[in-house]
Amino acid sequence: GRFTISRDNAKKMVYLRMNSLKLEDTAVYYCHAFRGEEYWG
């Protein structure tokens, strides 16, 4: 209800819209891609 993930395959982009942020949302955020193998930002 606060965060929304979306993707744009044409642009090869993935997004995370974060609303109503709370103190406990503080962190390092990592992008991840997986299909058998996995990759990290």
PDB file of all heavy atoms in Angstrom:
ATOM      1  N   GLY A   1       0.795  -1.219   0.000  1.00  0.00           N
ATOM      2  CA  GLY A   1       0.000   0.000   0.000  1.00  0.00           C
ATOM      3  C   GLY A   1       0.828   1.270   0.000  1.00  0.00           C
ATOM      4  O   GLY A   1       0.282   2.361  -0.205  1.00  0.00           O
ATOM      5  N   ARG A   2       2.135   1.139   0.219  1.00  0.00           N
ATOM      6  CA  ARG A   2       3.014   2.323   0.237  1.00  0.00           C
ATOM      7  C   ARG A   2       4.015   2.304  -0.906  1.00  0.00           C
ATOM      8  O   ARG A   2       4.353   3.364  -1.439  1.00  0.00           O
ATOM      9  CB  ARG A   2       3.771   2.404   1.562  1.00  0.00           C
ATOM     10  CG  ARG A   2       2.889   2.509   2.795  1.00  0.00           C
ATOM     11  CD  ARG A   2       3.716   2.813   4.042  1.00  0.00           C
ATOM     12  NE  ARG A   2       4.669   1.765   4.377  1.00  0.00           N
ATOM     13  CZ  ARG A   2       5.983   1.953   4.474  1.00  0.00           C
ATOM     14  NH1 ARG A   2       6.503   3.151   4.253  1.00  0.00           N
ATOM     15  NH2 ARG A   2       6.785   0.946   4.804  1.00  0.00           N
ATOM     16  N   PHE A   3       4.512   1.121  -1.254  1.00  0.00           N
ATOM     17  CA  PHE A   3       5.531   0.982  -2.301  1.00  0.00           C
ATOM     18  C   PHE A   3       4.907   0.360  -3.541  1.00  0.00           C
ATOM     19  O   PHE A   3       4.012  -0.485  -3.452  1.00  0.00           O
ATOM     20  CB  PHE A   3       6.669   0.077  -1.827  1.00  0.00           C
ATOM     21  CG  PHE A   3       7.563   0.651  -0.762  1.00  0.00           C
ATOM     22  CD1 PHE A   3       7.231   1.804  -0.067  1.00  0.00           C
ATOM     23  CD2 PHE A   3       8.764   0.027  -0.462  1.00  0.00           C
ATOM     24  CE1 PHE A   3       8.060   2.319   0.906  1.00  0.00           C
ATOM     25  CE2 PHE A   3       9.610   0.533   0.508  1.00  0.00           C
ATOM     26  CZ  PHE A   3       9.249   1.681   1.204  1.00  0.00           C
ATOM     27  N   THR A   4       5.432   0.755  -4.694  1.00  0.00           N
ATOM     28  CA  THR A   4       5.002   0.179  -5.968  1.00  0.00           C
ATOM     29  C   THR A   4       6.215  -0.120  -6.833  1.00  0.00           C
ATOM     30  O   THR A   4       7.015   0.779  -7.103  1.00  0.00           O
ATOM     31  CB  THR A   4       4.067   1.125  -6.731  1.00  0.00           C
ATOM     32  OG1 THR A   4       2.935   1.449  -5.914  1.00  0.00           O
ATOM     33  CG2 THR A   4       3.580   0.478  -8.021  1.00  0.00           C
ATOM     34  N   ILE A   5       6.336  -1.368  -7.238  1.00  0.00           N
ATOM     35  CA  ILE A   5       7.404  -1.753  -8.154  1.00  0.00           C
ATOM     36  C   ILE A   5       6.847  -1.783  -9.569  1.00  0.00           C
ATOM     37  O   ILE A   5       5.699  -2.181  -9.789  1.00  0.00           O
ATOM     38  CB  ILE A   5       8.008  -3.128  -7.763  1.00  0.00           C
ATOM     39  CG1 ILE A   5       9.251  -3.426  -8.604  1.00  0.00           C
ATOM     40  CG2 ILE A   5       6.977  -4.245  -7.874  1.00  0.00           C
ATOM     41  CD1 ILE A   5      10.029  -4.661  -8.129  1.00  0.00           C
ATOM     42  N   SER A   6       7.649  -1.342 -10.516  1.00  0.00           N
ATOM     43  CA  SER A   6       7.225  -1.369 -11.916  1.00  0.00           C
ATOM     44  C   SER A   6       8.441  -1.583 -12.805  1.00  0.00           C
ATOM     45  O   SER A   6       9.577  -1.405 -12.367  1.00  0.00           O
ATOM     46  CB  SER A   6       6.505  -0.068 -12.298  1.00  0.00           C
ATOM     47  OG  SER A   6       7.357   1.045 -12.146  1.00  0.00           O
ATOM     48  N   ARG A   7       8.170  -1.976 -14.030  1.00  0.00           N
ATOM     49  CA  ARG A   7       9.262  -2.228 -14.970  1.00  0.00           C
ATOM     50  C   ARG A   7       8.917  -1.664 -16.338  1.00  0.00           C
ATOM     51  O   ARG A   7       7.745  -1.610 -16.713  1.00  0.00           O
ATOM     52  CB  ARG A   7       9.560  -3.725 -15.073  1.00  0.00           C
ATOM     53  CG  ARG A   7       8.429  -4.570 -15.624  1.00  0.00           C
ATOM     54  CD  ARG A   7       8.720  -6.071 -15.466  1.00  0.00           C
ATOM     55  NE  ARG A   7       9.877  -6.495 -16.222  1.00  0.00           N
ATOM     56  CZ  ARG A   7      10.534  -7.629 -16.001  1.00  0.00           C
ATOM     57  NH1 ARG A   7      10.142  -8.448 -15.027  1.00  0.00           N
ATOM     58  NH2 ARG A   7      11.584  -7.959 -16.743  1.00  0.00           N
ATOM     59  N   ASP A   8       9.957  -1.270 -17.052  1.00  0.00           N
ATOM     60  CA  ASP A   8       9.817  -0.808 -18.426  1.00  0.00           C
ATOM     61  C   ASP A   8      10.792  -1.627 -19.250  1.00  0.00           C
ATOM     62  O   ASP A   8      12.000  -1.350 -19.265  1.00  0.00           O
ATOM     63  CB  ASP A   8      10.131   0.685 -18.521  1.00  0.00           C
ATOM     64  CG  ASP A   8       9.886   1.257 -19.914  1.00  0.00           C
ATOM     65  OD1 ASP A   8      10.026   0.505 -20.905  1.00  0.00           O
ATOM     66  OD2 ASP A   8       9.573   2.443 -20.013  1.00  0.00           O
ATOM     67  N   ASN A   9      10.282  -2.648 -19.909  1.00  0.00           N
ATOM     68  CA  ASN A   9      11.169  -3.558 -20.634  1.00  0.00           C
ATOM     69  C   ASN A   9      11.868  -2.875 -21.805  1.00  0.00           C
ATOM     70  O   ASN A   9      13.002  -3.208 -22.138  1.00  0.00           O
ATOM     71  CB  ASN A   9      10.385  -4.765 -21.124  1.00  0.00           C
ATOM     72  CG  ASN A   9       9.976  -5.689 -19.986  1.00  0.00           C
ATOM     73  OD1 ASN A   9      10.584  -5.688 -18.911  1.00  0.00           O
ATOM     74  ND2 ASN A   9       8.923  -6.460 -20.209  1.00  0.00           N
ATOM     75  N   ALA A  10      11.197  -1.932 -22.435  1.00  0.00           N
ATOM     76  CA  ALA A  10      11.803  -1.247 -23.572  1.00  0.00           C
ATOM     77  C   ALA A  10      13.022  -0.436 -23.146  1.00  0.00           C
ATOM     78  O   ALA A  10      14.016  -0.360 -23.879  1.00  0.00           O
ATOM     79  CB  ALA A  10      10.783  -0.345 -24.242  1.00  0.00           C
ATOM     80  N   LYS A  11      12.953   0.143 -21.961  1.00  0.00           N
ATOM     81  CA  LYS A  11      14.056   0.959 -21.455  1.00  0.00           C
ATOM     82  C   LYS A  11      15.008   0.168 -20.574  1.00  0.00           C
ATOM     83  O   LYS A  11      16.025   0.698 -20.130  1.00  0.00           O
ATOM     84  CB  LYS A  11      13.515   2.158 -20.671  1.00  0.00           C
ATOM     85  CG  LYS A  11      12.722   3.134 -21.503  1.00  0.00           C
ATOM     86  CD  LYS A  11      12.249   4.305 -20.658  1.00  0.00           C
ATOM     87  CE  LYS A  11      11.482   5.313 -21.501  1.00  0.00           C
ATOM     88  NZ  LYS A  11      11.003   6.465 -20.671  1.00  0.00           N
ATOM     89  N   LYS A  12      14.658  -1.087 -20.287  1.00  0.00           N
ATOM     90  CA  LYS A  12      15.448  -1.915 -19.379  1.00  0.00           C
ATOM     91  C   LYS A  12      15.607  -1.237 -18.026  1.00  0.00           C
ATOM     92  O   LYS A  12      16.710  -1.107 -17.486  1.00  0.00           O
ATOM     93  CB  LYS A  12      16.807  -2.270 -19.987  1.00  0.00           C
ATOM     94  CG  LYS A  12      16.717  -3.144 -21.223  1.00  0.00           C
ATOM     95  CD  LYS A  12      18.074  -3.644 -21.667  1.00  0.00           C
ATOM     96  CE  LYS A  12      17.963  -4.604 -22.838  1.00  0.00           C
ATOM     97  NZ  LYS A  12      19.278  -5.148 -23.252  1.00  0.00           N
ATOM     98  N   MET A  13      14.475  -0.799 -17.485  1.00  0.00           N
ATOM     99  CA  MET A  13      14.460  -0.108 -16.208  1.00  0.00           C
ATOM    100  C   MET A  13      13.469  -0.777 -15.253  1.00  0.00           C
ATOM    101  O   MET A  13      12.413  -1.258 -15.674  1.00  0.00           O
ATOM    102  CB  MET A  13      14.032   1.352 -16.390  1.00  0.00           C
ATOM    103  CG  MET A  13      14.951   2.191 -17.246  1.00  0.00           C
ATOM    104  SD  MET A  13      16.491   2.615 -16.419  1.00  0.00           S
ATOM    105  CE  MET A  13      15.885   3.669 -15.091  1.00  0.00           C
ATOM    106  N   VAL A  14      13.806  -0.753 -13.994  1.00  0.00           N
ATOM    107  CA  VAL A  14      12.878  -1.157 -12.945  1.00  0.00           C
ATOM    108  C   VAL A  14      12.862  -0.046 -11.907  1.00  0.00           C
ATOM    109  O   VAL A  14      13.891   0.571 -11.626  1.00  0.00           O
ATOM    110  CB  VAL A  14      13.243  -2.527 -12.337  1.00  0.00           C
ATOM    111  CG1 VAL A  14      14.628  -2.540 -11.747  1.00  0.00           C
ATOM    112  CG2 VAL A  14      12.203  -2.968 -11.322  1.00  0.00           C
ATOM    113  N   TYR A  15      11.664   0.204 -11.362  1.00  0.00           N
ATOM    114  CA  TYR A  15      11.455   1.327 -10.459  1.00  0.00           C
ATOM    115  C   TYR A  15      10.846   0.841  -9.154  1.00  0.00           C
ATOM    116  O   TYR A  15      10.157  -0.179  -9.095  1.00  0.00           O
ATOM    117  CB  TYR A  15      10.513   2.344 -11.090  1.00  0.00           C
ATOM    118  CG  TYR A  15      10.940   2.819 -12.459  1.00  0.00           C
ATOM    119  CD1 TYR A  15      10.401   2.245 -13.611  1.00  0.00           C
ATOM    120  CD2 TYR A  15      11.877   3.836 -12.593  1.00  0.00           C
ATOM    121  CE1 TYR A  15      10.793   2.674 -14.865  1.00  0.00           C
ATOM    122  CE2 TYR A  15      12.266   4.272 -13.852  1.00  0.00           C
ATOM    123  CZ  TYR A  15      11.725   3.692 -14.985  1.00  0.00           C
ATOM    124  OH  TYR A  15      12.111   4.117 -16.230  1.00  0.00           O
ATOM    125  N   LEU A  16      11.076   1.634  -8.109  1.00  0.00           N
ATOM    126  CA  LEU A  16      10.390   1.413  -6.840  1.00  0.00           C
ATOM    127  C   LEU A  16       9.911   2.775  -6.357  1.00  0.00           C
ATOM    128  O   LEU A  16      10.716   3.612  -5.948  1.00  0.00           O
ATOM    129  CB  LEU A  16      11.301   0.765  -5.804  1.00  0.00           C
ATOM    130  CG  LEU A  16      10.610   0.386  -4.501  1.00  0.00           C
ATOM    131  CD1 LEU A  16       9.609  -0.751  -4.735  1.00  0.00           C
ATOM    132  CD2 LEU A  16      11.625  -0.027  -3.432  1.00  0.00           C
ATOM    133  N   ARG A  17       8.613   2.981  -6.446  1.00  0.00           N
ATOM    134  CA  ARG A  17       8.012   4.198  -5.921  1.00  0.00           C
ATOM    135  C   ARG A  17       7.686   3.957  -4.459  1.00  0.00           C
ATOM    136  O   ARG A  17       6.968   3.019  -4.123  1.00  0.00           O
ATOM    137  CB  ARG A  17       6.741   4.540  -6.689  1.00  0.00           C
ATOM    138  CG  ARG A  17       5.972   5.741  -6.136  1.00  0.00           C
ATOM    139  CD  ARG A  17       6.743   7.025  -6.238  1.00  0.00           C
ATOM    140  NE  ARG A  17       5.962   8.170  -5.759  1.00  0.00           N
ATOM    141  CZ  ARG A  17       6.437   9.417  -5.696  1.00  0.00           C
ATOM    142  NH1 ARG A  17       7.679   9.678  -6.082  1.00  0.00           N
ATOM    143  NH2 ARG A  17       5.655  10.386  -5.251  1.00  0.00           N
ATOM    144  N   MET A  18       8.200   4.820  -3.592  1.00  0.00           N
ATOM    145  CA  MET A  18       8.033   4.671  -2.150  1.00  0.00           C
ATOM    146  C   MET A  18       7.305   5.891  -1.602  1.00  0.00           C
ATOM    147  O   MET A  18       7.832   7.007  -1.676  1.00  0.00           O
ATOM    148  CB  MET A  18       9.395   4.510  -1.473  1.00  0.00           C
ATOM    149  CG  MET A  18      10.222   3.375  -2.053  1.00  0.00           C
ATOM    150  SD  MET A  18      11.771   3.115  -1.168  1.00  0.00           S
ATOM    151  CE  MET A  18      12.641   4.637  -1.586  1.00  0.00           C
ATOM    152  N   ASN A  19       6.114   5.674  -1.096  1.00  0.00           N
ATOM    153  CA  ASN A  19       5.318   6.735  -0.492  1.00  0.00           C
ATOM    154  C   ASN A  19       5.188   6.510   1.007  1.00  0.00           C
ATOM    155  O   ASN A  19       5.417   5.405   1.505  1.00  0.00           O
ATOM    156  CB  ASN A  19       3.915   6.765  -1.114  1.00  0.00           C
ATOM    157  CG  ASN A  19       3.933   7.142  -2.580  1.00  0.00           C
ATOM    158  OD1 ASN A  19       4.753   7.932  -3.043  1.00  0.00           O
ATOM    159  ND2 ASN A  19       3.000   6.559  -3.338  1.00  0.00           N
ATOM    160  N   SER A  20       4.782   7.554   1.705  1.00  0.00           N
ATOM    161  CA  SER A  20       4.551   7.464   3.154  1.00  0.00           C
ATOM    162  C   SER A  20       5.721   6.804   3.861  1.00  0.00           C
ATOM    163  O   SER A  20       5.543   5.882   4.678  1.00  0.00           O
ATOM    164  CB  SER A  20       3.259   6.687   3.429  1.00  0.00           C
ATOM    165  OG  SER A  20       2.165   7.296   2.786  1.00  0.00           O
ATOM    166  N   LEU A  21       6.907   7.271   3.564  1.00  0.00           N
ATOM    167  CA  LEU A  21       8.108   6.632   4.105  1.00  0.00           C
ATOM    168  C   LEU A  21       8.168   6.762   5.616  1.00  0.00           C
ATOM    169  O   LEU A  21       7.753   7.775   6.204  1.00  0.00           O
ATOM    170  CB  LEU A  21       9.348   7.239   3.455  1.00  0.00           C
ATOM    171  CG  LEU A  21       9.622   6.706   2.043  1.00  0.00           C
ATOM    172  CD1 LEU A  21      10.535   7.641   1.281  1.00  0.00           C
ATOM    173  CD2 LEU A  21      10.220   5.314   2.108  1.00  0.00           C
ATOM    174  N   LYS A  22       8.686   5.710   6.235  1.00  0.00           N
ATOM    175  CA  LYS A  22       8.811   5.632   7.683  1.00  0.00           C
ATOM    176  C   LYS A  22      10.287   5.536   8.071  1.00  0.00           C
ATOM    177  O   LYS A  22      11.135   5.155   7.259  1.00  0.00           O
ATOM    178  CB  LYS A  22       8.055   4.402   8.195  1.00  0.00           C
ATOM    179  CG  LYS A  22       6.588   4.366   7.819  1.00  0.00           C
ATOM    180  CD  LYS A  22       5.944   3.079   8.312  1.00  0.00           C
ATOM    181  CE  LYS A  22       4.468   3.022   7.945  1.00  0.00           C
ATOM    182  NZ  LYS A  22       3.819   1.777   8.423  1.00  0.00           N
ATOM    183  N   LEU A  23      10.556   5.833   9.336  1.00  0.00           N
ATOM    184  CA  LEU A  23      11.934   5.746   9.816  1.00  0.00           C
ATOM    185  C   LEU A  23      12.525   4.362   9.550  1.00  0.00           C
ATOM    186  O   LEU A  23      13.701   4.236   9.185  1.00  0.00           O
ATOM    187  CB  LEU A  23      11.981   6.055  11.309  1.00  0.00           C
ATOM    188  CG  LEU A  23      11.549   7.454  11.735  1.00  0.00           C
ATOM    189  CD1 LEU A  23      11.564   7.564  13.258  1.00  0.00           C
ATOM    190  CD2 LEU A  23      12.438   8.510  11.119  1.00  0.00           C
ATOM    191  N   GLU A  24      11.684   3.338   9.708  1.00  0.00           N
ATOM    192  CA  GLU A  24      12.169   1.965   9.553  1.00  0.00           C
ATOM    193  C   GLU A  24      12.410   1.553   8.104  1.00  0.00           C
ATOM    194  O   GLU A  24      12.882   0.450   7.840  1.00  0.00           O
ATOM    195  CB  GLU A  24      11.202   0.979  10.215  1.00  0.00           C
ATOM    196  CG  GLU A  24       9.770   1.101   9.760  1.00  0.00           C
ATOM    197  CD  GLU A  24       8.935   1.965  10.711  1.00  0.00           C
ATOM    198  OE1 GLU A  24       9.465   2.987  11.200  1.00  0.00           O
ATOM    199  OE2 GLU A  24       7.762   1.628  10.938  1.00  0.00           O
ATOM    200  N   ASP A  25      12.117   2.443   7.167  1.00  0.00           N
ATOM    201  CA  ASP A  25      12.446   2.172   5.760  1.00  0.00           C
ATOM    202  C   ASP A  25      13.898   2.540   5.439  1.00  0.00           C
ATOM    203  O   ASP A  25      14.370   2.267   4.333  1.00  0.00           O
ATOM    204  CB  ASP A  25      11.522   2.950   4.828  1.00  0.00           C
ATOM    205  CG  ASP A  25      10.078   2.505   4.912  1.00  0.00           C
ATOM    206  OD1 ASP A  25       9.839   1.276   4.980  1.00  0.00           O
ATOM    207  OD2 ASP A  25       9.187   3.369   4.921  1.00  0.00           O
ATOM    208  N   THR A  26      14.576   3.147   6.390  1.00  0.00           N
ATOM    209  CA  THR A  26      15.974   3.518   6.189  1.00  0.00           C
ATOM    210  C   THR A  26      16.820   2.269   5.948  1.00  0.00           C
ATOM    211  O   THR A  26      16.798   1.330   6.740  1.00  0.00           O
ATOM    212  CB  THR A  26      16.517   4.275   7.406  1.00  0.00           C
ATOM    213  OG1 THR A  26      15.821   5.520   7.526  1.00  0.00           O
ATOM    214  CG2 THR A  26      18.005   4.537   7.274  1.00  0.00           C
ATOM    215  N   ALA A  27      17.554   2.263   4.840  1.00  0.00           N
ATOM    216  CA  ALA A  27      18.358   1.100   4.463  1.00  0.00           C
ATOM    217  C   ALA A  27      19.092   1.405   3.165  1.00  0.00           C
ATOM    218  O   ALA A  27      18.811   2.413   2.505  1.00  0.00           O
ATOM    219  CB  ALA A  27      17.470  -0.126   4.261  1.00  0.00           C
ATOM    220  N   VAL A  28      19.993   0.521   2.821  1.00  0.00           N
ATOM    221  CA  VAL A  28      20.551   0.517   1.469  1.00  0.00           C
ATOM    222  C   VAL A  28      19.655  -0.369   0.623  1.00  0.00           C
ATOM    223  O   VAL A  28      19.357  -1.512   1.004  1.00  0.00           O
ATOM    224  CB  VAL A  28      21.997  -0.001   1.449  1.00  0.00           C
ATOM    225  CG1 VAL A  28      22.521  -0.040   0.017  1.00  0.00           C
ATOM    226  CG2 VAL A  28      22.893   0.869   2.323  1.00  0.00           C
ATOM    227  N   TYR A  29      19.209   0.155  -0.500  1.00  0.00           N
ATOM    228  CA  TYR A  29      18.304  -0.566  -1.388  1.00  0.00           C
ATOM    229  C   TYR A  29      19.071  -1.079  -2.597  1.00  0.00           C
ATOM    230  O   TYR A  29      19.831  -0.332  -3.227  1.00  0.00           O
ATOM    231  CB  TYR A  29      17.162   0.345  -1.818  1.00  0.00           C
ATOM    232  CG  TYR A  29      16.135   0.552  -0.729  1.00  0.00           C
ATOM    233  CD1 TYR A  29      16.421   1.305   0.401  1.00  0.00           C
ATOM    234  CD2 TYR A  29      14.871  -0.045  -0.815  1.00  0.00           C
ATOM    235  CE1 TYR A  29      15.491   1.480   1.411  1.00  0.00           C
ATOM    236  CE2 TYR A  29      13.921   0.121   0.185  1.00  0.00           C
ATOM    237  CZ  TYR A  29      14.240   0.884   1.293  1.00  0.00           C
ATOM    238  OH  TYR A  29      13.309   1.038   2.292  1.00  0.00           O
ATOM    239  N   TYR A  30      18.845  -2.357  -2.907  1.00  0.00           N
ATOM    240  CA  TYR A  30      19.558  -3.019  -3.991  1.00  0.00           C
ATOM    241  C   TYR A  30      18.593  -3.513  -5.058  1.00  0.00           C
ATOM    242  O   TYR A  30      17.558  -4.105  -4.755  1.00  0.00           O
ATOM    243  CB  TYR A  30      20.324  -4.231  -3.459  1.00  0.00           C
ATOM    244  CG  TYR A  30      21.392  -3.904  -2.453  1.00  0.00           C
ATOM    245  CD1 TYR A  30      21.108  -3.871  -1.094  1.00  0.00           C
ATOM    246  CD2 TYR A  30      22.696  -3.645  -2.866  1.00  0.00           C
ATOM    247  CE1 TYR A  30      22.097  -3.571  -0.173  1.00  0.00           C
ATOM    248  CE2 TYR A  30      23.698  -3.354  -1.946  1.00  0.00           C
ATOM    249  CZ  TYR A  30      23.381  -3.324  -0.606  1.00  0.00           C
ATOM    250  OH  TYR A  30      24.361  -3.040   0.307  1.00  0.00           O
ATOM    251  N   CYS A  31      18.970  -3.315  -6.276  1.00  0.00           N
ATOM    252  CA  CYS A  31      18.250  -3.856  -7.417  1.00  0.00           C
ATOM    253  C   CYS A  31      18.747  -5.274  -7.677  1.00  0.00           C
ATOM    254  O   CYS A  31      19.953  -5.560  -7.517  1.00  0.00           O
ATOM    255  CB  CYS A  31      18.530  -2.956  -8.622  1.00  0.00           C
ATOM    256  SG  CYS A  31      17.763  -3.463 -10.158  1.00  0.00           S
ATOM    257  N   HIS A  32      17.856  -6.158  -8.070  1.00  0.00           N
ATOM    258  CA  HIS A  32      18.191  -7.574  -8.243  1.00  0.00           C
ATOM    259  C   HIS A  32      17.502  -8.112  -9.472  1.00  0.00           C
ATOM    260  O   HIS A  32      16.322  -7.823  -9.706  1.00  0.00           O
ATOM    261  CB  HIS A  32      17.731  -8.341  -6.994  1.00  0.00           C
ATOM    262  CG  HIS A  32      18.020  -9.790  -7.007  1.00  0.00           C
ATOM    263  ND1 HIS A  32      17.018 -10.741  -7.080  1.00  0.00           N
ATOM    264  CD2 HIS A  32      19.188 -10.471  -6.924  1.00  0.00           C
ATOM    265  CE1 HIS A  32      17.557 -11.949  -7.045  1.00  0.00           C
ATOM    266  NE2 HIS A  32      18.868 -11.802  -6.945  1.00  0.00           N
ATOM    267  N   ALA A  33      18.224  -8.890 -10.264  1.00  0.00           N
ATOM    268  CA  ALA A  33      17.658  -9.553 -11.434  1.00  0.00           C
ATOM    269  C   ALA A  33      17.939 -11.047 -11.320  1.00  0.00           C
ATOM    270  O   ALA A  33      19.041 -11.439 -10.936  1.00  0.00           O
ATOM    271  CB  ALA A  33      18.262  -9.002 -12.714  1.00  0.00           C
ATOM    272  N   PHE A  34      16.933 -11.869 -11.635  1.00  0.00           N
ATOM    273  CA  PHE A  34      17.120 -13.312 -11.448  1.00  0.00           C
ATOM    274  C   PHE A  34      16.410 -14.109 -12.515  1.00  0.00           C
ATOM    275  O   PHE A  34      15.292 -13.793 -12.937  1.00  0.00           O
ATOM    276  CB  PHE A  34      16.644 -13.734 -10.055  1.00  0.00           C
ATOM    277  CG  PHE A  34      15.230 -13.329  -9.726  1.00  0.00           C
ATOM    278  CD1 PHE A  34      14.172 -14.192  -9.941  1.00  0.00           C
ATOM    279  CD2 PHE A  34      14.956 -12.075  -9.206  1.00  0.00           C
ATOM    280  CE1 PHE A  34      12.867 -13.813  -9.632  1.00  0.00           C
ATOM    281  CE2 PHE A  34      13.678 -11.675  -8.900  1.00  0.00           C
ATOM    282  CZ  PHE A  34      12.622 -12.546  -9.114  1.00  0.00           C
ATOM    283  N   ARG A  35      17.123 -15.120 -12.977  1.00  0.00           N
ATOM    284  CA  ARG A  35      16.555 -16.129 -13.861  1.00  0.00           C
ATOM    285  C   ARG A  35      17.552 -17.282 -13.850  1.00  0.00           C
ATOM    286  O   ARG A  35      18.372 -17.429 -14.748  1.00  0.00           O
ATOM    287  CB  ARG A  35      16.354 -15.596 -15.282  1.00  0.00           C
ATOM    288  CG  ARG A  35      15.741 -16.624 -16.212  1.00  0.00           C
ATOM    289  CD  ARG A  35      15.518 -16.064 -17.601  1.00  0.00           C
ATOM    290  NE  ARG A  35      15.167 -17.095 -18.552  1.00  0.00           N
ATOM    291  CZ  ARG A  35      13.939 -17.566 -18.721  1.00  0.00           C
ATOM    292  NH1 ARG A  35      12.946 -17.093 -18.011  1.00  0.00           N
ATOM    293  NH2 ARG A  35      13.692 -18.512 -19.612  1.00  0.00           N
ATOM    294  N   GLY A  36      17.478 -18.073 -12.769  1.00  0.00           N
ATOM    295  CA  GLY A  36      18.544 -19.048 -12.563  1.00  0.00           C
ATOM    296  C   GLY A  36      19.731 -18.313 -11.969  1.00  0.00           C
ATOM    297  O   GLY A  36      19.911 -18.265 -10.755  1.00  0.00           O
ATOM    298  N   GLU A  37      20.520 -17.685 -12.818  1.00  0.00           N
ATOM    299  CA  GLU A  37      21.584 -16.831 -12.291  1.00  0.00           C
ATOM    300  C   GLU A  37      20.972 -15.544 -11.741  1.00  0.00           C
ATOM    301  O   GLU A  37      19.835 -15.202 -12.056  1.00  0.00           O
ATOM    302  CB  GLU A  37      22.601 -16.512 -13.390  1.00  0.00           C
ATOM    303  CG  GLU A  37      22.119 -15.567 -14.474  1.00  0.00           C
ATOM    304  CD  GLU A  37      21.341 -16.224 -15.590  1.00  0.00           C
ATOM    305  OE1 GLU A  37      20.892 -17.393 -15.418  1.00  0.00           O
ATOM    306  OE2 GLU A  37      21.157 -15.573 -16.628  1.00  0.00           O
ATOM    307  N   GLU A  38      21.746 -14.849 -10.928  1.00  0.00           N
ATOM    308  CA  GLU A  38      21.234 -13.616 -10.360  1.00  0.00           C
ATOM    309  C   GLU A  38      22.307 -12.532 -10.410  1.00  0.00           C
ATOM    310  O   GLU A  38      23.499 -12.829 -10.403  1.00  0.00           O
ATOM    311  CB  GLU A  38      20.754 -13.827  -8.925  1.00  0.00           C
ATOM    312  CG  GLU A  38      21.794 -14.309  -7.956  1.00  0.00           C
ATOM    313  CD  GLU A  38      21.251 -14.432  -6.539  1.00  0.00           C
ATOM    314  OE1 GLU A  38      20.074 -14.081  -6.296  1.00  0.00           O
ATOM    315  OE2 GLU A  38      22.008 -14.858  -5.660  1.00  0.00           O
ATOM    316  N   TYR A  39      21.835 -11.305 -10.447  1.00  0.00           N
ATOM    317  CA  TYR A  39      22.721 -10.140 -10.520  1.00  0.00           C
ATOM    318  C   TYR A  39      22.235  -9.074  -9.550  1.00  0.00           C
ATOM    319  O   TYR A  39      21.028  -8.948  -9.300  1.00  0.00           O
ATOM    320  CB  TYR A  39      22.732  -9.579 -11.955  1.00  0.00           C
ATOM    321  CG  TYR A  39      23.149 -10.599 -12.982  1.00  0.00           C
ATOM    322  CD1 TYR A  39      22.206 -11.262 -13.755  1.00  0.00           C
ATOM    323  CD2 TYR A  39      24.497 -10.907 -13.163  1.00  0.00           C
ATOM    324  CE1 TYR A  39      22.591 -12.218 -14.693  1.00  0.00           C
ATOM    325  CE2 TYR A  39      24.878 -11.861 -14.101  1.00  0.00           C
ATOM    326  CZ  TYR A  39      23.930 -12.507 -14.855  1.00  0.00           C
ATOM    327  OH  TYR A  39      24.312 -13.453 -15.776  1.00  0.00           O
ATOM    328  N   TRP A  40      23.207  -8.300  -9.043  1.00  0.00           N
ATOM    329  CA  TRP A  40      22.908  -7.273  -8.049  1.00  0.00           C
ATOM    330  C   TRP A  40      23.471  -5.934  -8.495  1.00  0.00           C
ATOM    331  O   TRP A  40      24.530  -5.867  -9.130  1.00  0.00           O
ATOM    332  CB  TRP A  40      23.563  -7.636  -6.714  1.00  0.00           C
ATOM    333  CG  TRP A  40      23.005  -8.849  -6.061  1.00  0.00           C
ATOM    334  CD1 TRP A  40      23.427 -10.135  -6.203  1.00  0.00           C
ATOM    335  CD2 TRP A  40      21.910  -8.894  -5.144  1.00  0.00           C
ATOM    336  NE1 TRP A  40      22.663 -10.974  -5.433  1.00  0.00           N
ATOM    337  CE2 TRP A  40      21.725 -10.241  -4.764  1.00  0.00           C
ATOM    338  CE3 TRP A  40      21.063  -7.923  -4.592  1.00  0.00           C
ATOM    339  CZ2 TRP A  40      20.722 -10.645  -3.879  1.00  0.00           C
ATOM    340  CZ3 TRP A  40      20.083  -8.327  -3.701  1.00  0.00           C
ATOM    341  CH2 TRP A  40      19.925  -9.675  -3.357  1.00  0.00           C
ATOM    342  N   GLY A  41      22.770  -4.870  -8.104  1.00  0.00           N
ATOM    343  CA  GLY A  41      23.319  -3.541  -8.225  1.00  0.00           C
ATOM    344  C   GLY A  41      24.204  -3.231  -7.030  1.00  0.00           C
ATOM    345  O   GLY A  41      24.351  -4.036  -6.107  1.00  0.00           O
TER     346      GLY A  41
END
